[in-house]
Amino acid sequence: MSHDLSLAQNHAFNLSRTLMVPVTLFAVNGEFGVMPSDELDDADVEVIHEYDPYQVGSAH
């Protein structure tokens, strides 16, 4: 978990490209986290963005 959104975005983008799976950047209690989208299930989190490794574009 991180308090820095920019750092969390960079990690999410890199993790998505490394694992070649969609990952979700989410917020819980003022902190940001990243995990593979298929593992998130219906957790009580605020989804910020989903990164798809097959989508062309920047992390920001």
N, C-alpha and C. Protein backbone atom coordinates (compact mmCIF):
# COMPACT_ATOMS: atom_id res chain seq x y z
N MET A 1 0.86 -1.17 0.00
CA MET A 1 0.00 0.00 0.00
C MET A 1 0.90 1.23 0.00
N SER A 2 0.42 2.27 -0.65
CA SER A 2 1.19 3.49 -0.79
C SER A 2 0.28 4.70 -0.57
N HIS A 3 0.85 5.79 -0.09
CA HIS A 3 0.11 7.03 0.05
C HIS A 3 0.33 7.94 -1.16
N ASP A 4 1.22 7.54 -2.05
CA ASP A 4 1.59 8.34 -3.22
C ASP A 4 0.90 7.79 -4.47
N LEU A 5 -0.08 8.53 -5.00
CA LEU A 5 -0.84 8.07 -6.15
C LEU A 5 0.05 7.89 -7.38
N SER A 6 0.96 8.79 -7.62
CA SER A 6 1.84 8.70 -8.78
C SER A 6 2.69 7.43 -8.74
N LEU A 7 3.22 7.12 -7.57
CA LEU A 7 4.01 5.91 -7.39
C LEU A 7 3.15 4.66 -7.62
N ALA A 8 1.95 4.67 -7.09
CA ALA A 8 1.04 3.54 -7.27
C ALA A 8 0.66 3.36 -8.74
N GLN A 9 0.45 4.46 -9.46
CA GLN A 9 0.14 4.38 -10.90
C GLN A 9 1.29 3.75 -11.67
N ASN A 10 2.50 4.17 -11.38
CA ASN A 10 3.66 3.62 -12.07
C ASN A 10 3.81 2.13 -11.78
N HIS A 11 3.62 1.74 -10.54
CA HIS A 11 3.72 0.32 -10.18
C HIS A 11 2.62 -0.50 -10.87
N ALA A 12 1.42 0.05 -10.93
CA ALA A 12 0.31 -0.66 -11.57
C ALA A 12 0.60 -0.87 -13.05
N PHE A 13 1.05 0.17 -13.72
CA PHE A 13 1.36 0.07 -15.14
C PHE A 13 2.47 -0.96 -15.39
N ASN A 14 3.54 -0.89 -14.60
CA ASN A 14 4.65 -1.83 -14.76
C ASN A 14 4.25 -3.26 -14.43
N LEU A 15 3.45 -3.45 -13.40
CA LEU A 15 3.01 -4.80 -13.03
C LEU A 15 2.14 -5.39 -14.13
N SER A 16 1.28 -4.59 -14.70
CA SER A 16 0.43 -5.05 -15.78
C SER A 16 1.27 -5.51 -16.97
N ARG A 17 2.28 -4.73 -17.32
CA ARG A 17 3.14 -5.07 -18.46
C ARG A 17 4.04 -6.26 -18.17
N THR A 18 4.46 -6.42 -16.93
CA THR A 18 5.32 -7.54 -16.56
C THR A 18 4.54 -8.85 -16.54
N LEU A 19 3.36 -8.84 -15.91
CA LEU A 19 2.55 -10.06 -15.80
C LEU A 19 1.71 -10.32 -17.04
N MET A 20 1.53 -9.28 -17.86
CA MET A 20 0.68 -9.33 -19.05
C MET A 20 -0.75 -9.75 -18.70
N VAL A 21 -1.26 -9.18 -17.62
CA VAL A 21 -2.65 -9.36 -17.19
C VAL A 21 -3.18 -7.99 -16.75
N PRO A 22 -4.49 -7.79 -16.82
CA PRO A 22 -5.05 -6.53 -16.31
C PRO A 22 -4.85 -6.43 -14.79
N VAL A 23 -4.47 -5.27 -14.32
CA VAL A 23 -4.35 -5.02 -12.89
C VAL A 23 -5.20 -3.81 -12.52
N THR A 24 -5.65 -3.78 -11.29
CA THR A 24 -6.50 -2.70 -10.81
C THR A 24 -5.78 -1.89 -9.76
N LEU A 25 -5.82 -0.58 -9.93
CA LEU A 25 -5.33 0.36 -8.93
C LEU A 25 -6.54 0.76 -8.10
N PHE A 26 -6.45 0.60 -6.77
CA PHE A 26 -7.59 0.88 -5.92
C PHE A 26 -7.17 1.65 -4.68
N ALA A 27 -8.17 2.21 -4.01
CA ALA A 27 -7.92 2.97 -2.78
C ALA A 27 -8.72 2.36 -1.64
N VAL A 28 -8.08 2.30 -0.46
CA VAL A 28 -8.72 1.85 0.77
C VAL A 28 -8.17 2.69 1.91
N ASN A 29 -9.04 3.35 2.64
CA ASN A 29 -8.63 4.14 3.81
C ASN A 29 -7.51 5.13 3.49
N GLY A 30 -7.58 5.79 2.34
CA GLY A 30 -6.58 6.79 1.99
C GLY A 30 -5.27 6.26 1.46
N GLU A 31 -5.15 4.96 1.28
CA GLU A 31 -3.95 4.36 0.73
C GLU A 31 -4.29 3.71 -0.61
N PHE A 32 -3.29 3.56 -1.46
CA PHE A 32 -3.47 2.98 -2.78
C PHE A 32 -2.81 1.62 -2.84
N GLY A 33 -3.46 0.71 -3.55
CA GLY A 33 -2.93 -0.64 -3.73
C GLY A 33 -3.14 -1.09 -5.16
N VAL A 34 -2.43 -2.15 -5.53
CA VAL A 34 -2.49 -2.69 -6.88
C VAL A 34 -2.55 -4.20 -6.77
N MET A 35 -3.42 -4.82 -7.59
CA MET A 35 -3.45 -6.28 -7.64
C MET A 35 -4.07 -6.71 -8.97
N PRO A 36 -3.78 -7.94 -9.40
CA PRO A 36 -4.41 -8.44 -10.62
C PRO A 36 -5.93 -8.33 -10.52
N SER A 37 -6.56 -7.87 -11.58
CA SER A 37 -8.00 -7.60 -11.57
C SER A 37 -8.83 -8.83 -11.25
N ASP A 38 -8.41 -10.00 -11.71
CA ASP A 38 -9.21 -11.20 -11.46
C ASP A 38 -9.16 -11.65 -10.01
N GLU A 39 -8.22 -11.12 -9.22
CA GLU A 39 -8.12 -11.47 -7.80
C GLU A 39 -8.87 -10.49 -6.91
N LEU A 40 -9.33 -9.39 -7.47
CA LEU A 40 -9.98 -8.35 -6.67
C LEU A 40 -11.37 -8.77 -6.21
N ASP A 41 -12.07 -9.56 -7.01
CA ASP A 41 -13.42 -10.02 -6.69
C ASP A 41 -14.33 -8.83 -6.38
N ASP A 42 -15.14 -8.94 -5.36
CA ASP A 42 -16.07 -7.87 -4.99
C ASP A 42 -15.64 -7.21 -3.69
N ALA A 43 -14.35 -6.94 -3.57
CA ALA A 43 -13.83 -6.32 -2.36
C ALA A 43 -14.41 -4.91 -2.21
N ASP A 44 -14.48 -4.45 -0.98
CA ASP A 44 -15.01 -3.13 -0.67
C ASP A 44 -13.90 -2.09 -0.83
N VAL A 45 -13.57 -1.79 -2.09
CA VAL A 45 -12.51 -0.83 -2.39
C VAL A 45 -13.03 0.17 -3.42
N GLU A 46 -12.36 1.30 -3.50
CA GLU A 46 -12.66 2.31 -4.52
C GLU A 46 -11.70 2.09 -5.68
N VAL A 47 -12.22 1.64 -6.82
CA VAL A 47 -11.39 1.39 -7.99
C VAL A 47 -11.02 2.72 -8.62
N ILE A 48 -9.71 2.93 -8.80
CA ILE A 48 -9.20 4.16 -9.41
C ILE A 48 -9.06 3.97 -10.92
N HIS A 49 -8.43 2.87 -11.31
CA HIS A 49 -8.20 2.61 -12.74
C HIS A 49 -7.81 1.15 -12.94
N GLU A 50 -8.15 0.60 -14.10
CA GLU A 50 -7.70 -0.73 -14.47
C GLU A 50 -6.71 -0.59 -15.62
N TYR A 51 -5.56 -1.19 -15.47
CA TYR A 51 -4.51 -1.15 -16.50
C TYR A 51 -4.53 -2.45 -17.28
N ASP A 52 -4.66 -2.33 -18.59
CA ASP A 52 -4.68 -3.48 -19.48
C ASP A 52 -3.37 -3.47 -20.27
N PRO A 53 -2.57 -4.54 -20.20
CA PRO A 53 -1.27 -4.54 -20.87
C PRO A 53 -1.38 -4.51 -22.39
N TYR A 54 -2.54 -4.81 -22.92
CA TYR A 54 -2.71 -4.84 -24.37
C TYR A 54 -3.25 -3.52 -24.92
N GLN A 55 -3.52 -2.59 -24.03
CA GLN A 55 -4.00 -1.28 -24.43
C GLN A 55 -2.79 -0.36 -24.58
N VAL A 56 -2.74 0.36 -25.66
CA VAL A 56 -1.62 1.27 -25.89
C VAL A 56 -1.93 2.60 -25.20
N GLY A 57 -0.97 3.12 -24.47
CA GLY A 57 -1.15 4.41 -23.81
C GLY A 57 -0.21 4.54 -22.63
N SER A 58 -0.17 5.73 -22.08
CA SER A 58 0.71 5.98 -20.93
C SER A 58 -0.01 5.64 -19.63
N ALA A 59 0.73 5.59 -18.57
CA ALA A 59 0.19 5.26 -17.25
C ALA A 59 -0.57 6.43 -16.65
N HIS A 60 -0.44 7.63 -17.19
CA HIS A 60 -1.08 8.80 -16.59
C HIS A 60 -2.08 9.38 -17.52
